[in-house]
Amino acid sequence: MKDTIITARRKKIELLTLLICFIIANLANLYAIIVYRTSFMEVFTSVFYIIIASLALYAGWTVLRLVFYSLTLLFVRRKKR
């Protein structure tokens, strides 16, 4: 098998992407708290749901990137022929 190397730049990009997903999940939670007029204590008590939502957002973003890169590779290979 071929060894692969994950660069420090790629690690930083992935961590930044995960942080952005966490912030989006927090903002969605804050929006729901404001709309449904619940206690702001929900920000702290629903942190595990926010973590799960951010991981789901990250997984969805990863799937979208894989589809995009696959289509890009497919069209680049067709152009070379």
PDB file of N, CA and C in Angstrom:
ATOM      1  N   MET A   1       0.827  -1.180   0.000  1.00  0.00           N
ATOM      2  CA  MET A   1       0.000   0.000   0.000  1.00  0.00           C
ATOM      3  C   MET A   1       0.870   1.241   0.000  1.00  0.00           C
ATOM      4  N   LYS A   2       0.337   2.261  -0.575  1.00  0.00           N
ATOM      5  CA  LYS A   2       1.053   3.530  -0.664  1.00  0.00           C
ATOM      6  C   LYS A   2       0.803   4.350   0.604  1.00  0.00           C
ATOM      7  N   ASP A   3       1.869   4.885   1.179  1.00  0.00           N
ATOM      8  CA  ASP A   3       1.727   5.747   2.354  1.00  0.00           C
ATOM      9  C   ASP A   3       1.239   7.123   1.922  1.00  0.00           C
ATOM     10  N   THR A   4       0.351   7.682   2.719  1.00  0.00           N
ATOM     11  CA  THR A   4      -0.131   9.033   2.441  1.00  0.00           C
ATOM     12  C   THR A   4       0.285   9.950   3.584  1.00  0.00           C
ATOM     13  N   ILE A   5       0.472  11.204   3.237  1.00  0.00           N
ATOM     14  CA  ILE A   5       0.885  12.187   4.226  1.00  0.00           C
ATOM     15  C   ILE A   5      -0.174  13.279   4.283  1.00  0.00           C
ATOM     16  N   ILE A   6      -0.611  13.580   5.492  1.00  0.00           N
ATOM     17  CA  ILE A   6      -1.551  14.681   5.694  1.00  0.00           C
ATOM     18  C   ILE A   6      -0.721  15.876   6.153  1.00  0.00           C
ATOM     19  N   THR A   7      -0.724  16.916   5.354  1.00  0.00           N
ATOM     20  CA  THR A   7       0.104  18.080   5.663  1.00  0.00           C
ATOM     21  C   THR A   7      -0.514  18.910   6.784  1.00  0.00           C
ATOM     22  N   ALA A   8       0.312  19.761   7.362  1.00  0.00           N
ATOM     23  CA  ALA A   8      -0.156  20.649   8.422  1.00  0.00           C
ATOM     24  C   ALA A   8      -1.195  21.623   7.871  1.00  0.00           C
ATOM     25  N   ARG A   9      -1.024  22.038   6.627  1.00  0.00           N
ATOM     26  CA  ARG A   9      -1.982  22.953   5.999  1.00  0.00           C
ATOM     27  C   ARG A   9      -3.356  22.295   5.882  1.00  0.00           C
ATOM     28  N   ARG A  10      -3.390  21.024   5.477  1.00  0.00           N
ATOM     29  CA  ARG A  10      -4.661  20.312   5.341  1.00  0.00           C
ATOM     30  C   ARG A  10      -5.329  20.146   6.703  1.00  0.00           C
ATOM     31  N   LYS A  11      -4.539  19.864   7.737  1.00  0.00           N
ATOM     32  CA  LYS A  11      -5.097  19.732   9.089  1.00  0.00           C
ATOM     33  C   LYS A  11      -5.723  21.040   9.547  1.00  0.00           C
ATOM     34  N   LYS A  12      -5.047  22.164   9.276  1.00  0.00           N
ATOM     35  CA  LYS A  12      -5.582  23.466   9.658  1.00  0.00           C
ATOM     36  C   LYS A  12      -6.880  23.769   8.926  1.00  0.00           C
ATOM     37  N   ILE A  13      -6.923  23.434   7.642  1.00  0.00           N
ATOM     38  CA  ILE A  13      -8.137  23.672   6.852  1.00  0.00           C
ATOM     39  C   ILE A  13      -9.295  22.854   7.399  1.00  0.00           C
ATOM     40  N   GLU A  14      -9.049  21.596   7.717  1.00  0.00           N
ATOM     41  CA  GLU A  14     -10.114  20.729   8.230  1.00  0.00           C
ATOM     42  C   GLU A  14     -10.586  21.189   9.610  1.00  0.00           C
ATOM     43  N   LEU A  15      -9.671  21.610  10.467  1.00  0.00           N
ATOM     44  CA  LEU A  15     -10.073  22.120  11.776  1.00  0.00           C
ATOM     45  C   LEU A  15     -10.869  23.411  11.650  1.00  0.00           C
ATOM     46  N   LEU A  16     -10.471  24.264  10.728  1.00  0.00           N
ATOM     47  CA  LEU A  16     -11.214  25.500  10.495  1.00  0.00           C
ATOM     48  C   LEU A  16     -12.612  25.187   9.964  1.00  0.00           C
ATOM     49  N   THR A  17     -12.713  24.214   9.081  1.00  0.00           N
ATOM     50  CA  THR A  17     -14.012  23.799   8.552  1.00  0.00           C
ATOM     51  C   THR A  17     -14.909  23.262   9.663  1.00  0.00           C
ATOM     52  N   LEU A  18     -14.349  22.453  10.543  1.00  0.00           N
ATOM     53  CA  LEU A  18     -15.117  21.923  11.674  1.00  0.00           C
ATOM     54  C   LEU A  18     -15.544  23.047  12.618  1.00  0.00           C
ATOM     55  N   LEU A  19     -14.686  24.019  12.834  1.00  0.00           N
ATOM     56  CA  LEU A  19     -15.034  25.163  13.678  1.00  0.00           C
ATOM     57  C   LEU A  19     -16.174  25.961  13.062  1.00  0.00           C
ATOM     58  N   ILE A  20     -16.138  26.164  11.766  1.00  0.00           N
ATOM     59  CA  ILE A  20     -17.212  26.882  11.078  1.00  0.00           C
ATOM     60  C   ILE A  20     -18.533  26.117  11.193  1.00  0.00           C
ATOM     61  N   CYS A  21     -18.483  24.794  11.062  1.00  0.00           N
ATOM     62  CA  CYS A  21     -19.693  23.985  11.235  1.00  0.00           C
ATOM     63  C   CYS A  21     -20.226  24.102  12.659  1.00  0.00           C
ATOM     64  N   PHE A  22     -19.342  24.153  13.642  1.00  0.00           N
ATOM     65  CA  PHE A  22     -19.757  24.313  15.044  1.00  0.00           C
ATOM     66  C   PHE A  22     -20.417  25.672  15.253  1.00  0.00           C
ATOM     67  N   ILE A  23     -19.862  26.704  14.648  1.00  0.00           N
ATOM     68  CA  ILE A  23     -20.441  28.042  14.778  1.00  0.00           C
ATOM     69  C   ILE A  23     -21.815  28.098  14.110  1.00  0.00           C
ATOM     70  N   ILE A  24     -21.956  27.482  12.955  1.00  0.00           N
ATOM     71  CA  ILE A  24     -23.257  27.458  12.265  1.00  0.00           C
ATOM     72  C   ILE A  24     -24.294  26.739  13.113  1.00  0.00           C
ATOM     73  N   ALA A  25     -23.903  25.618  13.731  1.00  0.00           N
ATOM     74  CA  ALA A  25     -24.836  24.881  14.590  1.00  0.00           C
ATOM     75  C   ALA A  25     -25.223  25.715  15.811  1.00  0.00           C
ATOM     76  N   ASN A  26     -24.275  26.437  16.372  1.00  0.00           N
ATOM     77  CA  ASN A  26     -24.583  27.322  17.503  1.00  0.00           C
ATOM     78  C   ASN A  26     -25.529  28.438  17.098  1.00  0.00           C
ATOM     79  N   LEU A  27     -25.302  29.024  15.940  1.00  0.00           N
ATOM     80  CA  LEU A  27     -26.181  30.088  15.469  1.00  0.00           C
ATOM     81  C   LEU A  27     -27.592  29.570  15.205  1.00  0.00           C
ATOM     82  N   ALA A  28     -27.697  28.356  14.666  1.00  0.00           N
ATOM     83  CA  ALA A  28     -29.013  27.767  14.447  1.00  0.00           C
ATOM     84  C   ALA A  28     -29.722  27.517  15.779  1.00  0.00           C
ATOM     85  N   ASN A  29     -28.980  27.064  16.773  1.00  0.00           N
ATOM     86  CA  ASN A  29     -29.549  26.850  18.104  1.00  0.00           C
ATOM     87  C   ASN A  29     -29.996  28.172  18.718  1.00  0.00           C
ATOM     88  N   LEU A  30     -29.184  29.193  18.591  1.00  0.00           N
ATOM     89  CA  LEU A  30     -29.537  30.510  19.122  1.00  0.00           C
ATOM     90  C   LEU A  30     -30.774  31.061  18.420  1.00  0.00           C
ATOM     91  N   TYR A  31     -30.862  30.873  17.131  1.00  0.00           N
ATOM     92  CA  TYR A  31     -32.041  31.306  16.378  1.00  0.00           C
ATOM     93  C   TYR A  31     -33.297  30.595  16.886  1.00  0.00           C
ATOM     94  N   ALA A  32     -33.202  29.295  17.108  1.00  0.00           N
ATOM     95  CA  ALA A  32     -34.351  28.535  17.610  1.00  0.00           C
ATOM     96  C   ALA A  32     -34.740  28.990  19.013  1.00  0.00           C
ATOM     97  N   ILE A  33     -33.769  29.310  19.838  1.00  0.00           N
ATOM     98  CA  ILE A  33     -34.062  29.790  21.193  1.00  0.00           C
ATOM     99  C   ILE A  33     -34.809  31.116  21.138  1.00  0.00           C
ATOM    100  N   ILE A  34     -34.389  31.994  20.247  1.00  0.00           N
ATOM    101  CA  ILE A  34     -35.042  33.295  20.127  1.00  0.00           C
ATOM    102  C   ILE A  34     -36.445  33.153  19.548  1.00  0.00           C
ATOM    103  N   VAL A  35     -36.603  32.361  18.499  1.00  0.00           N
ATOM    104  CA  VAL A  35     -37.904  32.211  17.837  1.00  0.00           C
ATOM    105  C   VAL A  35     -38.924  31.560  18.768  1.00  0.00           C
ATOM    106  N   TYR A  36     -38.517  30.507  19.481  1.00  0.00           N
ATOM    107  CA  TYR A  36     -39.458  29.792  20.334  1.00  0.00           C
ATOM    108  C   TYR A  36     -39.522  30.359  21.752  1.00  0.00           C
ATOM    109  N   ARG A  37     -38.797  31.429  22.008  1.00  0.00           N
ATOM    110  CA  ARG A  37     -38.818  32.143  23.295  1.00  0.00           C
ATOM    111  C   ARG A  37     -38.584  31.216  24.485  1.00  0.00           C
ATOM    112  N   THR A  38     -37.541  30.441  24.394  1.00  0.00           N
ATOM    113  CA  THR A  38     -37.181  29.568  25.511  1.00  0.00           C
ATOM    114  C   THR A  38     -36.059  30.213  26.316  1.00  0.00           C
ATOM    115  N   SER A  39     -35.675  29.567  27.371  1.00  0.00           N
ATOM    116  CA  SER A  39     -34.639  30.083  28.251  1.00  0.00           C
ATOM    117  C   SER A  39     -33.274  30.044  27.554  1.00  0.00           C
ATOM    118  N   PHE A  40     -32.465  31.061  27.812  1.00  0.00           N
ATOM    119  CA  PHE A  40     -31.130  31.083  27.228  1.00  0.00           C
ATOM    120  C   PHE A  40     -30.208  30.051  27.873  1.00  0.00           C
ATOM    121  N   MET A  41     -30.679  29.387  28.896  1.00  0.00           N
ATOM    122  CA  MET A  41     -29.923  28.288  29.487  1.00  0.00           C
ATOM    123  C   MET A  41     -29.799  27.128  28.497  1.00  0.00           C
ATOM    124  N   GLU A  42     -30.695  27.101  27.512  1.00  0.00           N
ATOM    125  CA  GLU A  42     -30.657  26.067  26.470  1.00  0.00           C
ATOM    126  C   GLU A  42     -29.352  26.100  25.686  1.00  0.00           C
ATOM    127  N   VAL A  43     -28.697  27.250  25.628  1.00  0.00           N
ATOM    128  CA  VAL A  43     -27.423  27.355  24.923  1.00  0.00           C
ATOM    129  C   VAL A  43     -26.407  26.403  25.554  1.00  0.00           C
ATOM    130  N   PHE A  44     -26.434  26.300  26.867  1.00  0.00           N
ATOM    131  CA  PHE A  44     -25.470  25.458  27.579  1.00  0.00           C
ATOM    132  C   PHE A  44     -25.943  24.015  27.720  1.00  0.00           C
ATOM    133  N   THR A  45     -27.245  23.826  27.891  1.00  0.00           N
ATOM    134  CA  THR A  45     -27.740  22.467  28.132  1.00  0.00           C
ATOM    135  C   THR A  45     -27.817  21.634  26.865  1.00  0.00           C
ATOM    136  N   SER A  46     -27.868  22.275  25.711  1.00  0.00           N
ATOM    137  CA  SER A  46     -27.969  21.523  24.464  1.00  0.00           C
ATOM    138  C   SER A  46     -26.651  21.459  23.704  1.00  0.00           C
ATOM    139  N   VAL A  47     -25.546  21.573  24.422  1.00  0.00           N
ATOM    140  CA  VAL A  47     -24.234  21.587  23.774  1.00  0.00           C
ATOM    141  C   VAL A  47     -23.940  20.254  23.082  1.00  0.00           C
ATOM    142  N   PHE A  48     -24.421  19.141  23.627  1.00  0.00           N
ATOM    143  CA  PHE A  48     -24.168  17.853  22.990  1.00  0.00           C
ATOM    144  C   PHE A  48     -24.935  17.728  21.677  1.00  0.00           C
ATOM    145  N   TYR A  49     -26.131  18.295  21.621  1.00  0.00           N
ATOM    146  CA  TYR A  49     -26.882  18.314  20.372  1.00  0.00           C
ATOM    147  C   TYR A  49     -26.189  19.204  19.343  1.00  0.00           C
ATOM    148  N   ILE A  50     -25.586  20.267  19.814  1.00  0.00           N
ATOM    149  CA  ILE A  50     -24.861  21.159  18.918  1.00  0.00           C
ATOM    150  C   ILE A  50     -23.637  20.454  18.345  1.00  0.00           C
ATOM    151  N   ILE A  51     -22.953  19.695  19.161  1.00  0.00           N
ATOM    152  CA  ILE A  51     -21.785  18.938  18.687  1.00  0.00           C
ATOM    153  C   ILE A  51     -22.211  17.920  17.638  1.00  0.00           C
ATOM    154  N   ILE A  52     -23.309  17.222  17.882  1.00  0.00           N
ATOM    155  CA  ILE A  52     -23.799  16.244  16.916  1.00  0.00           C
ATOM    156  C   ILE A  52     -24.223  16.928  15.626  1.00  0.00           C
ATOM    157  N   ALA A  53     -24.889  18.074  15.741  1.00  0.00           N
ATOM    158  CA  ALA A  53     -25.309  18.813  14.552  1.00  0.00           C
ATOM    159  C   ALA A  53     -24.105  19.321  13.769  1.00  0.00           C
ATOM    160  N   SER A  54     -23.062  19.763  14.466  1.00  0.00           N
ATOM    161  CA  SER A  54     -21.883  20.243  13.760  1.00  0.00           C
ATOM    162  C   SER A  54     -21.154  19.097  13.062  1.00  0.00           C
ATOM    163  N   LEU A  55     -21.126  17.923  13.666  1.00  0.00           N
ATOM    164  CA  LEU A  55     -20.529  16.766  13.004  1.00  0.00           C
ATOM    165  C   LEU A  55     -21.344  16.341  11.785  1.00  0.00           C
ATOM    166  N   ALA A  56     -22.670  16.457  11.881  1.00  0.00           N
ATOM    167  CA  ALA A  56     -23.519  16.142  10.735  1.00  0.00           C
ATOM    168  C   ALA A  56     -23.295  17.153   9.608  1.00  0.00           C
ATOM    169  N   LEU A  57     -23.164  18.422   9.944  1.00  0.00           N
ATOM    170  CA  LEU A  57     -22.850  19.438   8.932  1.00  0.00           C
ATOM    171  C   LEU A  57     -21.502  19.163   8.284  1.00  0.00           C
ATOM    172  N   TYR A  58     -20.522  18.792   9.090  1.00  0.00           N
ATOM    173  CA  TYR A  58     -19.183  18.493   8.576  1.00  0.00           C
ATOM    174  C   TYR A  58     -19.220  17.280   7.645  1.00  0.00           C
ATOM    175  N   ALA A  59     -19.984  16.258   8.022  1.00  0.00           N
ATOM    176  CA  ALA A  59     -20.106  15.071   7.167  1.00  0.00           C
ATOM    177  C   ALA A  59     -20.791  15.427   5.850  1.00  0.00           C
ATOM    178  N   GLY A  60     -21.834  16.239   5.914  1.00  0.00           N
ATOM    179  CA  GLY A  60     -22.501  16.668   4.683  1.00  0.00           C
ATOM    180  C   GLY A  60     -21.585  17.477   3.792  1.00  0.00           C
ATOM    181  N   TRP A  61     -20.805  18.364   4.390  1.00  0.00           N
ATOM    182  CA  TRP A  61     -19.859  19.166   3.623  1.00  0.00           C
ATOM    183  C   TRP A  61     -18.792  18.272   2.992  1.00  0.00           C
ATOM    184  N   THR A  62     -18.348  17.254   3.709  1.00  0.00           N
ATOM    185  CA  THR A  62     -17.360  16.323   3.173  1.00  0.00           C
ATOM    186  C   THR A  62     -17.919  15.560   1.981  1.00  0.00           C
ATOM    187  N   VAL A  63     -19.159  15.127   2.061  1.00  0.00           N
ATOM    188  CA  VAL A  63     -19.788  14.423   0.934  1.00  0.00           C
ATOM    189  C   VAL A  63     -19.883  15.347  -0.274  1.00  0.00           C
ATOM    190  N   LEU A  64     -20.278  16.591  -0.060  1.00  0.00           N
ATOM    191  CA  LEU A  64     -20.352  17.544  -1.171  1.00  0.00           C
ATOM    192  C   LEU A  64     -18.991  17.771  -1.810  1.00  0.00           C
ATOM    193  N   ARG A  65     -17.948  17.871  -0.997  1.00  0.00           N
ATOM    194  CA  ARG A  65     -16.599  18.047  -1.549  1.00  0.00           C
ATOM    195  C   ARG A  65     -16.158  16.833  -2.336  1.00  0.00           C
ATOM    196  N   LEU A  66     -16.457  15.636  -1.833  1.00  0.00           N
ATOM    197  CA  LEU A  66     -16.087  14.423  -2.562  1.00  0.00           C
ATOM    198  C   LEU A  66     -16.792  14.341  -3.912  1.00  0.00           C
ATOM    199  N   VAL A  67     -18.064  14.699  -3.956  1.00  0.00           N
ATOM    200  CA  VAL A  67     -18.803  14.696  -5.219  1.00  0.00           C
ATOM    201  C   VAL A  67     -18.201  15.721  -6.169  1.00  0.00           C
ATOM    202  N   PHE A  68     -17.889  16.909  -5.675  1.00  0.00           N
ATOM    203  CA  PHE A  68     -17.314  17.961  -6.509  1.00  0.00           C
ATOM    204  C   PHE A  68     -15.961  17.529  -7.080  1.00  0.00           C
ATOM    205  N   TYR A  69     -15.084  16.990  -6.233  1.00  0.00           N
ATOM    206  CA  TYR A  69     -13.767  16.565  -6.704  1.00  0.00           C
ATOM    207  C   TYR A  69     -13.864  15.390  -7.665  1.00  0.00           C
ATOM    208  N   SER A  70     -14.806  14.496  -7.443  1.00  0.00           N
ATOM    209  CA  SER A  70     -14.989  13.362  -8.354  1.00  0.00           C
ATOM    210  C   SER A  70     -15.449  13.837  -9.729  1.00  0.00           C
ATOM    211  N   LEU A  71     -16.404  14.765  -9.742  1.00  0.00           N
ATOM    212  CA  LEU A  71     -16.869  15.303 -11.024  1.00  0.00           C
ATOM    213  C   LEU A  71     -15.769  16.088 -11.725  1.00  0.00           C
ATOM    214  N   THR A  72     -14.974  16.814 -10.961  1.00  0.00           N
ATOM    215  CA  THR A  72     -13.861  17.559 -11.547  1.00  0.00           C
ATOM    216  C   THR A  72     -12.860  16.610 -12.182  1.00  0.00           C
ATOM    217  N   LEU A  73     -12.515  15.544 -11.490  1.00  0.00           N
ATOM    218  CA  LEU A  73     -11.583  14.564 -12.053  1.00  0.00           C
ATOM    219  C   LEU A  73     -12.166  13.896 -13.292  1.00  0.00           C
ATOM    220  N   LEU A  74     -13.449  13.628 -13.267  1.00  0.00           N
ATOM    221  CA  LEU A  74     -14.097  12.984 -14.402  1.00  0.00           C
ATOM    222  C   LEU A  74     -14.032  13.870 -15.637  1.00  0.00           C
ATOM    223  N   PHE A  75     -14.330  15.152 -15.477  1.00  0.00           N
ATOM    224  CA  PHE A  75     -14.315  16.052 -16.621  1.00  0.00           C
ATOM    225  C   PHE A  75     -12.902  16.370 -17.088  1.00  0.00           C
ATOM    226  N   VAL A  76     -11.939  16.403 -16.180  1.00  0.00           N
ATOM    227  CA  VAL A  76     -10.548  16.649 -16.578  1.00  0.00           C
ATOM    228  C   VAL A  76     -10.026  15.481 -17.388  1.00  0.00           C
ATOM    229  N   ARG A  77     -10.368  14.278 -17.000  1.00  0.00           N
ATOM    230  CA  ARG A  77      -9.921  13.075 -17.755  1.00  0.00           C
ATOM    231  C   ARG A  77     -10.566  13.023 -19.130  1.00  0.00           C
ATOM    232  N   ARG A  78     -11.807  13.459 -19.241  1.00  0.00           N
ATOM    233  CA  ARG A  78     -12.469  13.464 -20.551  1.00  0.00           C
ATOM    234  C   ARG A  78     -11.856  14.497 -21.480  1.00  0.00           C
ATOM    235  N   LYS A  79     -11.424  15.627 -20.946  1.00  0.00           N
ATOM    236  CA  LYS A  79     -10.804  16.660 -21.773  1.00  0.00           C
ATOM    237  C   LYS A  79      -9.471  16.188 -22.340  1.00  0.00           C
ATOM    238  N   LYS A  80      -8.731  15.399 -21.587  1.00  0.00           N
ATOM    239  CA  LYS A  80      -7.425  14.928 -22.028  1.00  0.00           C
ATOM    240  C   LYS A  80      -7.540  13.948 -23.185  1.00  0.00           C
ATOM    241  N   ARG A  81      -8.627  13.283 -23.341  1.00  0.00           N
ATOM    242  CA  ARG A  81      -8.788  12.280 -24.409  1.00  0.00           C
ATOM    243  C   ARG A  81      -9.016  12.902 -25.709  1.00  0.00           C
TER     244      ARG A  81
END
